[in-house]
Amino acid sequence: MVANREQLQEILKKANQHACKQAKESGASIYYIKDNKRVREDANGNKFEIIYDATGKRHEFEYHE
C-alpha cells in the first residue's frame, strides 16, 4: 500500500499522540525542539526550556510559549 502525504502525516500524528500518552501514563518526560529551543514536558504537562552553559552544565527554566 502506498500512502499519500496526507495519510502519512495522519499516521505520524497518531503515532506521536500515542507515544505522548504512554509517556504521561508512565510518568516519563517528553523531550522535543520547538522554535529552536530544547523543551522538556513532564507527565503533568509542565514545560521547561533546557539550556547548556559554556561548561556543558544543563539548566532548566520554565518555558513560555
N, C-alpha and C. Protein backbone atom coordinates (compact mmCIF):
# COMPACT_ATOMS: atom_id res chain seq x y z
N MET A 1 0.85 -1.18 0.00
CA MET A 1 0.00 0.00 0.00
C MET A 1 0.89 1.24 0.00
N VAL A 2 0.56 2.16 -0.87
CA VAL A 2 1.29 3.41 -0.96
C VAL A 2 0.42 4.50 -0.35
N ALA A 3 0.96 5.19 0.64
CA ALA A 3 0.20 6.25 1.31
C ALA A 3 0.61 7.60 0.72
N ASN A 4 -0.36 8.49 0.60
CA ASN A 4 -0.02 9.83 0.13
C ASN A 4 0.44 10.68 1.29
N ARG A 5 0.83 11.89 1.00
CA ARG A 5 1.40 12.78 2.03
C ARG A 5 0.45 13.01 3.21
N GLU A 6 -0.82 13.23 2.92
CA GLU A 6 -1.80 13.48 3.99
C GLU A 6 -1.97 12.25 4.87
N GLN A 7 -1.98 11.08 4.26
CA GLN A 7 -2.12 9.85 5.04
C GLN A 7 -0.90 9.64 5.94
N LEU A 8 0.28 9.90 5.39
CA LEU A 8 1.50 9.76 6.20
C LEU A 8 1.51 10.74 7.36
N GLN A 9 1.08 11.97 7.11
CA GLN A 9 1.02 12.96 8.19
C GLN A 9 0.05 12.52 9.28
N GLU A 10 -1.06 11.95 8.90
CA GLU A 10 -2.05 11.48 9.88
C GLU A 10 -1.49 10.31 10.69
N ILE A 11 -0.78 9.40 10.02
CA ILE A 11 -0.17 8.27 10.70
C ILE A 11 0.87 8.76 11.72
N LEU A 12 1.71 9.70 11.31
CA LEU A 12 2.72 10.25 12.22
C LEU A 12 2.09 11.00 13.39
N LYS A 13 1.01 11.72 13.13
CA LYS A 13 0.31 12.45 14.19
C LYS A 13 -0.24 11.47 15.23
N LYS A 14 -0.85 10.39 14.76
CA LYS A 14 -1.41 9.40 15.68
C LYS A 14 -0.31 8.69 16.47
N ALA A 15 0.81 8.39 15.81
CA ALA A 15 1.93 7.74 16.49
C ALA A 15 2.48 8.66 17.58
N ASN A 16 2.60 9.95 17.28
CA ASN A 16 3.08 10.93 18.25
C ASN A 16 2.13 11.03 19.45
N GLN A 17 0.85 11.09 19.18
CA GLN A 17 -0.14 11.17 20.26
C GLN A 17 -0.07 9.92 21.15
N HIS A 18 0.10 8.76 20.53
CA HIS A 18 0.17 7.52 21.29
C HIS A 18 1.43 7.50 22.17
N ALA A 19 2.56 7.91 21.61
CA ALA A 19 3.81 7.95 22.38
C ALA A 19 3.70 8.92 23.54
N CYS A 20 3.11 10.09 23.32
CA CYS A 20 2.93 11.07 24.39
C CYS A 20 2.03 10.53 25.49
N LYS A 21 0.97 9.86 25.10
CA LYS A 21 0.04 9.28 26.07
C LYS A 21 0.75 8.23 26.92
N GLN A 22 1.53 7.36 26.29
CA GLN A 22 2.25 6.33 27.03
C GLN A 22 3.28 6.94 27.98
N ALA A 23 3.97 7.97 27.53
CA ALA A 23 4.97 8.63 28.39
C ALA A 23 4.30 9.24 29.61
N LYS A 24 3.18 9.91 29.41
CA LYS A 24 2.48 10.54 30.54
C LYS A 24 1.96 9.50 31.52
N GLU A 25 1.43 8.40 30.99
CA GLU A 25 0.91 7.35 31.85
C GLU A 25 2.01 6.71 32.69
N SER A 26 3.22 6.66 32.16
CA SER A 26 4.33 6.04 32.89
C SER A 26 5.11 7.06 33.74
N GLY A 27 4.71 8.35 33.65
CA GLY A 27 5.38 9.38 34.44
C GLY A 27 6.66 9.90 33.81
N ALA A 28 6.90 9.58 32.56
CA ALA A 28 8.13 10.00 31.88
C ALA A 28 7.95 11.38 31.25
N SER A 29 9.06 12.06 31.07
CA SER A 29 9.05 13.35 30.38
C SER A 29 9.17 13.13 28.88
N ILE A 30 8.72 14.12 28.14
CA ILE A 30 8.83 14.13 26.68
C ILE A 30 9.79 15.25 26.32
N TYR A 31 10.73 14.97 25.44
CA TYR A 31 11.71 15.96 25.01
C TYR A 31 11.50 16.26 23.54
N TYR A 32 11.54 17.55 23.18
CA TYR A 32 11.39 17.94 21.78
C TYR A 32 11.99 19.32 21.57
N ILE A 33 12.06 19.71 20.30
CA ILE A 33 12.56 21.04 19.95
C ILE A 33 11.42 21.83 19.35
N LYS A 34 11.22 23.04 19.87
CA LYS A 34 10.18 23.93 19.36
C LYS A 34 10.76 25.34 19.28
N ASP A 35 10.60 25.97 18.14
CA ASP A 35 11.13 27.32 17.93
C ASP A 35 12.62 27.38 18.26
N ASN A 36 13.36 26.35 17.82
CA ASN A 36 14.81 26.26 18.04
C ASN A 36 15.20 26.22 19.52
N LYS A 37 14.30 25.75 20.37
CA LYS A 37 14.59 25.62 21.80
C LYS A 37 14.35 24.17 22.22
N ARG A 38 15.23 23.67 23.08
CA ARG A 38 15.04 22.33 23.64
C ARG A 38 14.00 22.43 24.76
N VAL A 39 13.01 21.55 24.71
CA VAL A 39 11.91 21.60 25.68
C VAL A 39 11.73 20.23 26.31
N ARG A 40 11.51 20.23 27.62
CA ARG A 40 11.14 19.02 28.35
C ARG A 40 9.75 19.25 28.92
N GLU A 41 8.85 18.34 28.62
CA GLU A 41 7.49 18.42 29.17
C GLU A 41 7.31 17.24 30.10
N ASP A 42 7.02 17.53 31.37
CA ASP A 42 6.86 16.44 32.32
C ASP A 42 5.47 15.81 32.20
N ALA A 43 5.24 14.75 32.95
CA ALA A 43 3.99 13.99 32.86
C ALA A 43 2.78 14.83 33.25
N ASN A 44 2.98 15.92 33.99
CA ASN A 44 1.88 16.79 34.39
C ASN A 44 1.61 17.92 33.40
N GLY A 45 2.41 17.97 32.33
CA GLY A 45 2.22 19.00 31.32
C GLY A 45 3.03 20.26 31.53
N ASN A 46 3.86 20.30 32.59
CA ASN A 46 4.73 21.46 32.83
C ASN A 46 5.86 21.44 31.81
N LYS A 47 6.18 22.62 31.25
CA LYS A 47 7.20 22.70 30.22
C LYS A 47 8.39 23.50 30.70
N PHE A 48 9.58 22.99 30.35
CA PHE A 48 10.84 23.62 30.75
C PHE A 48 11.77 23.72 29.55
N GLU A 49 12.41 24.87 29.41
CA GLU A 49 13.42 25.04 28.37
C GLU A 49 14.75 24.56 28.92
N ILE A 50 15.47 23.78 28.14
CA ILE A 50 16.76 23.23 28.54
C ILE A 50 17.86 24.04 27.85
N ILE A 51 18.79 24.53 28.65
CA ILE A 51 19.91 25.31 28.13
C ILE A 51 21.19 24.73 28.73
N TYR A 52 22.23 24.64 27.92
CA TYR A 52 23.54 24.21 28.38
C TYR A 52 24.47 25.41 28.37
N ASP A 53 25.19 25.63 29.48
CA ASP A 53 26.11 26.76 29.55
C ASP A 53 27.44 26.40 28.89
N ALA A 54 28.39 27.32 28.95
CA ALA A 54 29.68 27.14 28.28
C ALA A 54 30.47 25.94 28.81
N THR A 55 30.20 25.56 30.05
CA THR A 55 30.90 24.41 30.64
C THR A 55 30.18 23.10 30.38
N GLY A 56 29.02 23.17 29.73
CA GLY A 56 28.24 21.97 29.43
C GLY A 56 27.24 21.61 30.51
N LYS A 57 27.12 22.46 31.53
CA LYS A 57 26.16 22.20 32.61
C LYS A 57 24.75 22.51 32.12
N ARG A 58 23.85 21.62 32.43
CA ARG A 58 22.46 21.74 32.00
C ARG A 58 21.66 22.59 32.98
N HIS A 59 20.82 23.48 32.44
CA HIS A 59 19.92 24.32 33.24
C HIS A 59 18.52 24.23 32.64
N GLU A 60 17.52 24.25 33.48
CA GLU A 60 16.13 24.24 33.03
C GLU A 60 15.42 25.46 33.56
N PHE A 61 14.63 26.07 32.69
CA PHE A 61 13.84 27.25 33.05
C PHE A 61 12.41 27.02 32.58
N GLU A 62 11.47 27.58 33.29
CA GLU A 62 10.08 27.45 32.89
C GLU A 62 9.91 27.98 31.47
N TYR A 63 9.23 27.20 30.65
CA TYR A 63 9.07 27.54 29.23
C TYR A 63 7.72 28.22 29.02
N HIS A 64 7.74 29.34 28.33
CA HIS A 64 6.52 30.07 27.99
C HIS A 64 6.41 30.12 26.47
N GLU A 65 5.26 29.74 25.97
CA GLU A 65 5.06 29.77 24.51
C GLU A 65 4.65 31.13 24.04
